[in-house]
């Protein structure tokens, strides 16, 4: 649950920052947010499974 929420927050934050602060067009900002969400989710789940495997 923590991984999913942090990935959603990171994707949203990057999308908003790219659109509002940097001035990137909205479609590119949405792409950057989606890419960040996917990367953060994948990295978080990889770390979670590694930690879970080490504890067993």
PDB file of N, CA and C in Angstrom:
ATOM      1  N   UNK A   1       0.820  -1.193   0.000  1.00  0.00           N
ATOM      2  CA  UNK A   1       0.000   0.000   0.000  1.00  0.00           C
ATOM      3  C   UNK A   1       0.864   1.257   0.000  1.00  0.00           C
ATOM      4  N   UNK A   2       1.929   1.231   0.772  1.00  0.00           N
ATOM      5  CA  UNK A   2       2.822   2.388   0.832  1.00  0.00           C
ATOM      6  C   UNK A   2       3.502   2.614  -0.506  1.00  0.00           C
ATOM      7  N   UNK A   3       3.874   1.527  -1.182  1.00  0.00           N
ATOM      8  CA  UNK A   3       4.537   1.651  -2.482  1.00  0.00           C
ATOM      9  C   UNK A   3       3.585   2.263  -3.500  1.00  0.00           C
ATOM     10  N   UNK A   4       2.349   1.824  -3.516  1.00  0.00           N
ATOM     11  CA  UNK A   4       1.374   2.339  -4.476  1.00  0.00           C
ATOM     12  C   UNK A   4       1.104   3.818  -4.224  1.00  0.00           C
ATOM     13  N   UNK A   5       0.900   4.190  -2.986  1.00  0.00           N
ATOM     14  CA  UNK A   5       0.618   5.590  -2.674  1.00  0.00           C
ATOM     15  C   UNK A   5       1.807   6.499  -2.959  1.00  0.00           C
ATOM     16  N   UNK A   6       3.005   6.040  -2.640  1.00  0.00           N
ATOM     17  CA  UNK A   6       4.171   6.875  -2.920  1.00  0.00           C
ATOM     18  C   UNK A   6       4.407   7.000  -4.421  1.00  0.00           C
ATOM     19  N   UNK A   7       4.131   5.947  -5.190  1.00  0.00           N
ATOM     20  CA  UNK A   7       4.267   6.029  -6.649  1.00  0.00           C
ATOM     21  C   UNK A   7       3.247   6.996  -7.234  1.00  0.00           C
ATOM     22  N   UNK A   8       2.019   6.949  -6.732  1.00  0.00           N
ATOM     23  CA  UNK A   8       0.998   7.878  -7.214  1.00  0.00           C
ATOM     24  C   UNK A   8       1.354   9.317  -6.870  1.00  0.00           C
ATOM     25  N   UNK A   9       1.833   9.536  -5.663  1.00  0.00           N
ATOM     26  CA  UNK A   9       2.213  10.885  -5.255  1.00  0.00           C
ATOM     27  C   UNK A   9       3.388  11.409  -6.079  1.00  0.00           C
ATOM     28  N   UNK A  10       4.382  10.561  -6.312  1.00  0.00           N
ATOM     29  CA  UNK A  10       5.547  10.983  -7.090  1.00  0.00           C
ATOM     30  C   UNK A  10       5.150  11.306  -8.523  1.00  0.00           C
ATOM     31  N   UNK A  11       4.310  10.477  -9.130  1.00  0.00           N
ATOM     32  CA  UNK A  11       3.855  10.740 -10.496  1.00  0.00           C
ATOM     33  C   UNK A  11       3.067  12.027 -10.600  1.00  0.00           C
ATOM     34  N   UNK A  12       2.179  12.246  -9.656  1.00  0.00           N
ATOM     35  CA  UNK A  12       1.389  13.476  -9.650  1.00  0.00           C
ATOM     36  C   UNK A  12       2.277  14.693  -9.442  1.00  0.00           C
ATOM     37  N   UNK A  13       3.205  14.603  -8.508  1.00  0.00           N
ATOM     38  CA  UNK A  13       4.086  15.732  -8.218  1.00  0.00           C
ATOM     39  C   UNK A  13       4.949  16.085  -9.426  1.00  0.00           C
ATOM     40  N   UNK A  14       5.508  15.090 -10.087  1.00  0.00           N
ATOM     41  CA  UNK A  14       6.345  15.362 -11.255  1.00  0.00           C
ATOM     42  C   UNK A  14       5.517  15.949 -12.385  1.00  0.00           C
ATOM     43  N   UNK A  15       4.327  15.412 -12.615  1.00  0.00           N
ATOM     44  CA  UNK A  15       3.464  15.949 -13.662  1.00  0.00           C
ATOM     45  C   UNK A  15       3.090  17.395 -13.424  1.00  0.00           C
ATOM     46  N   UNK A  16       2.711  17.715 -12.202  1.00  0.00           N
ATOM     47  CA  UNK A  16       2.326  19.092 -11.874  1.00  0.00           C
ATOM     48  C   UNK A  16       3.526  20.029 -11.949  1.00  0.00           C
ATOM     49  N   UNK A  17       4.665  19.591 -11.423  1.00  0.00           N
ATOM     50  CA  UNK A  17       5.851  20.438 -11.470  1.00  0.00           C
ATOM     51  C   UNK A  17       6.324  20.685 -12.899  1.00  0.00           C
ATOM     52  N   UNK A  18       6.251  19.651 -13.729  1.00  0.00           N
ATOM     53  CA  UNK A  18       6.669  19.830 -15.115  1.00  0.00           C
ATOM     54  C   UNK A  18       5.744  20.811 -15.839  1.00  0.00           C
ATOM     55  N   UNK A  19       4.456  20.741 -15.564  1.00  0.00           N
ATOM     56  CA  UNK A  19       3.500  21.616 -16.242  1.00  0.00           C
ATOM     57  C   UNK A  19       3.528  23.032 -15.678  1.00  0.00           C
ATOM     58  N   UNK A  20       3.571  23.151 -14.362  1.00  0.00           N
ATOM     59  CA  UNK A  20       3.437  24.467 -13.740  1.00  0.00           C
ATOM     60  C   UNK A  20       4.750  25.220 -13.652  1.00  0.00           C
ATOM     61  N   UNK A  21       5.809  24.566 -13.255  1.00  0.00           N
ATOM     62  CA  UNK A  21       7.067  25.264 -13.005  1.00  0.00           C
ATOM     63  C   UNK A  21       7.921  25.341 -14.264  1.00  0.00           C
ATOM     64  N   UNK A  22       8.094  24.202 -14.928  1.00  0.00           N
ATOM     65  CA  UNK A  22       8.983  24.156 -16.087  1.00  0.00           C
ATOM     66  C   UNK A  22       8.296  24.720 -17.325  1.00  0.00           C
ATOM     67  N   UNK A  23       6.990  24.548 -17.426  1.00  0.00           N
ATOM     68  CA  UNK A  23       6.249  25.067 -18.563  1.00  0.00           C
ATOM     69  C   UNK A  23       6.186  24.109 -19.741  1.00  0.00           C
ATOM     70  N   UNK A  24       6.304  22.828 -19.474  1.00  0.00           N
ATOM     71  CA  UNK A  24       6.227  21.800 -20.503  1.00  0.00           C
ATOM     72  C   UNK A  24       4.762  21.671 -20.930  1.00  0.00           C
ATOM     73  N   UNK A  25       4.482  21.363 -22.210  1.00  0.00           N
ATOM     74  CA  UNK A  25       3.081  21.124 -22.611  1.00  0.00           C
ATOM     75  C   UNK A  25       2.439  20.006 -21.785  1.00  0.00           C
ATOM     76  N   UNK A  26       1.129  20.061 -21.657  1.00  0.00           N
ATOM     77  CA  UNK A  26       0.421  19.148 -20.757  1.00  0.00           C
ATOM     78  C   UNK A  26       0.608  17.682 -21.125  1.00  0.00           C
ATOM     79  N   UNK A  27       0.620  17.349 -22.407  1.00  0.00           N
ATOM     80  CA  UNK A  27       0.771  15.941 -22.779  1.00  0.00           C
ATOM     81  C   UNK A  27       2.148  15.411 -22.395  1.00  0.00           C
ATOM     82  N   UNK A  28       3.180  16.225 -22.553  1.00  0.00           N
ATOM     83  CA  UNK A  28       4.523  15.807 -22.142  1.00  0.00           C
ATOM     84  C   UNK A  28       4.622  15.705 -20.624  1.00  0.00           C
ATOM     85  N   UNK A  29       3.952  16.611 -19.917  1.00  0.00           N
ATOM     86  CA  UNK A  29       3.961  16.558 -18.450  1.00  0.00           C
ATOM     87  C   UNK A  29       3.229  15.312 -17.954  1.00  0.00           C
ATOM     88  N   UNK A  30       2.124  14.955 -18.621  1.00  0.00           N
ATOM     89  CA  UNK A  30       1.412  13.739 -18.234  1.00  0.00           C
ATOM     90  C   UNK A  30       2.262  12.511 -18.523  1.00  0.00           C
ATOM     91  N   UNK A  31       3.003  12.527 -19.610  1.00  0.00           N
ATOM     92  CA  UNK A  31       3.898  11.416 -19.918  1.00  0.00           C
ATOM     93  C   UNK A  31       5.008  11.281 -18.894  1.00  0.00           C
ATOM     94  N   UNK A  32       5.565  12.418 -18.498  1.00  0.00           N
ATOM     95  CA  UNK A  32       6.620  12.392 -17.483  1.00  0.00           C
ATOM     96  C   UNK A  32       6.078  11.898 -16.147  1.00  0.00           C
ATOM     97  N   UNK A  33       4.883  12.327 -15.791  1.00  0.00           N
ATOM     98  CA  UNK A  33       4.257  11.852 -14.557  1.00  0.00           C
ATOM     99  C   UNK A  33       3.971  10.365 -14.599  1.00  0.00           C
ATOM    100  N   UNK A  34       3.484   9.884 -15.742  1.00  0.00           N
ATOM    101  CA  UNK A  34       3.216   8.457 -15.887  1.00  0.00           C
ATOM    102  C   UNK A  34       4.481   7.628 -15.853  1.00  0.00           C
ATOM    103  N   UNK A  35       5.531   8.136 -16.484  1.00  0.00           N
ATOM    104  CA  UNK A  35       6.814   7.433 -16.443  1.00  0.00           C
ATOM    105  C   UNK A  35       7.382   7.376 -15.040  1.00  0.00           C
ATOM    106  N   UNK A  36       7.249   8.473 -14.314  1.00  0.00           N
ATOM    107  CA  UNK A  36       7.709   8.501 -12.934  1.00  0.00           C
ATOM    108  C   UNK A  36       6.908   7.536 -12.070  1.00  0.00           C
ATOM    109  N   UNK A  37       5.599   7.494 -12.298  1.00  0.00           N
ATOM    110  CA  UNK A  37       4.754   6.566 -11.548  1.00  0.00           C
ATOM    111  C   UNK A  37       5.182   5.129 -11.808  1.00  0.00           C
ATOM    112  N   UNK A  38       5.391   4.779 -13.068  1.00  0.00           N
ATOM    113  CA  UNK A  38       5.773   3.407 -13.404  1.00  0.00           C
ATOM    114  C   UNK A  38       7.136   3.049 -12.826  1.00  0.00           C
ATOM    115  N   UNK A  39       8.093   3.970 -12.932  1.00  0.00           N
ATOM    116  CA  UNK A  39       9.429   3.702 -12.399  1.00  0.00           C
ATOM    117  C   UNK A  39       9.396   3.557 -10.886  1.00  0.00           C
ATOM    118  N   UNK A  40       8.706   4.467 -10.214  1.00  0.00           N
ATOM    119  CA  UNK A  40       8.651   4.433  -8.757  1.00  0.00           C
ATOM    120  C   UNK A  40       7.952   3.169  -8.259  1.00  0.00           C
ATOM    121  N   UNK A  41       6.884   2.767  -8.942  1.00  0.00           N
ATOM    122  CA  UNK A  41       6.177   1.543  -8.550  1.00  0.00           C
ATOM    123  C   UNK A  41       7.076   0.322  -8.762  1.00  0.00           C
ATOM    124  N   UNK A  42       7.722   0.247  -9.895  1.00  0.00           N
ATOM    125  CA  UNK A  42       8.598  -0.892 -10.176  1.00  0.00           C
ATOM    126  C   UNK A  42       9.768  -0.977  -9.210  1.00  0.00           C
ATOM    127  N   UNK A  43      10.403   0.155  -8.946  1.00  0.00           N
ATOM    128  CA  UNK A  43      11.532   0.162  -8.020  1.00  0.00           C
ATOM    129  C   UNK A  43      11.079  -0.161  -6.599  1.00  0.00           C
ATOM    130  N   UNK A  44       9.938   0.365  -6.204  1.00  0.00           N
ATOM    131  CA  UNK A  44       9.428   0.101  -4.863  1.00  0.00           C
ATOM    132  C   UNK A  44       9.051  -1.353  -4.662  1.00  0.00           C
ATOM    133  N   UNK A  45       8.419  -1.952  -5.656  1.00  0.00           N
ATOM    134  CA  UNK A  45       8.049  -3.360  -5.535  1.00  0.00           C
ATOM    135  C   UNK A  45       9.280  -4.261  -5.579  1.00  0.00           C
ATOM    136  N   UNK A  46      10.282  -3.875  -6.357  1.00  0.00           N
ATOM    137  CA  UNK A  46      11.529  -4.650  -6.370  1.00  0.00           C
ATOM    138  C   UNK A  46      12.204  -4.594  -5.004  1.00  0.00           C
ATOM    139  N   UNK A  47      12.268  -3.408  -4.422  1.00  0.00           N
ATOM    140  CA  UNK A  47      12.873  -3.265  -3.100  1.00  0.00           C
ATOM    141  C   UNK A  47      12.068  -4.030  -2.049  1.00  0.00           C
ATOM    142  N   UNK A  48      10.744  -3.950  -2.140  1.00  0.00           N
ATOM    143  CA  UNK A  48       9.890  -4.658  -1.185  1.00  0.00           C
ATOM    144  C   UNK A  48      10.099  -6.166  -1.277  1.00  0.00           C
ATOM    145  N   UNK A  49      10.147  -6.697  -2.498  1.00  0.00           N
ATOM    146  CA  UNK A  49      10.332  -8.140  -2.633  1.00  0.00           C
ATOM    147  C   UNK A  49      11.726  -8.567  -2.182  1.00  0.00           C
ATOM    148  N   UNK A  50      12.731  -7.725  -2.411  1.00  0.00           N
ATOM    149  CA  UNK A  50      14.089  -8.048  -1.937  1.00  0.00           C
ATOM    150  C   UNK A  50      14.138  -8.075  -0.421  1.00  0.00           C
ATOM    151  N   UNK A  51      13.557  -7.091   0.220  1.00  0.00           N
ATOM    152  CA  UNK A  51      13.540  -7.045   1.687  1.00  0.00           C
ATOM    153  C   UNK A  51      12.736  -8.209   2.251  1.00  0.00           C
ATOM    154  N   UNK A  52      11.618  -8.512   1.608  1.00  0.00           N
ATOM    155  CA  UNK A  52      10.792  -9.632   2.071  1.00  0.00           C
ATOM    156  C   UNK A  52      11.534 -10.955   1.935  1.00  0.00           C
ATOM    157  N   UNK A  53      12.289 -11.125   0.844  1.00  0.00           N
ATOM    158  CA  UNK A  53      13.043 -12.349   0.625  1.00  0.00           C
ATOM    159  C   UNK A  53      14.164 -12.483   1.639  1.00  0.00           C
ATOM    160  N   UNK A  54      14.787 -11.386   2.025  1.00  0.00           N
ATOM    161  CA  UNK A  54      15.886 -11.437   2.991  1.00  0.00           C
ATOM    162  C   UNK A  54      15.397 -11.764   4.393  1.00  0.00           C
ATOM    163  N   UNK A  55      14.175 -11.399   4.716  1.00  0.00           N
ATOM    164  CA  UNK A  55      13.670 -11.652   6.067  1.00  0.00           C
ATOM    165  C   UNK A  55      13.214 -13.089   6.251  1.00  0.00           C
ATOM    166  N   UNK A  56      13.006 -13.808   5.151  1.00  0.00           N
ATOM    167  CA  UNK A  56      12.559 -15.211   5.260  1.00  0.00           C
ATOM    168  C   UNK A  56      13.694 -16.156   5.273  1.00  0.00           C
TER     169      UNK A  56
END
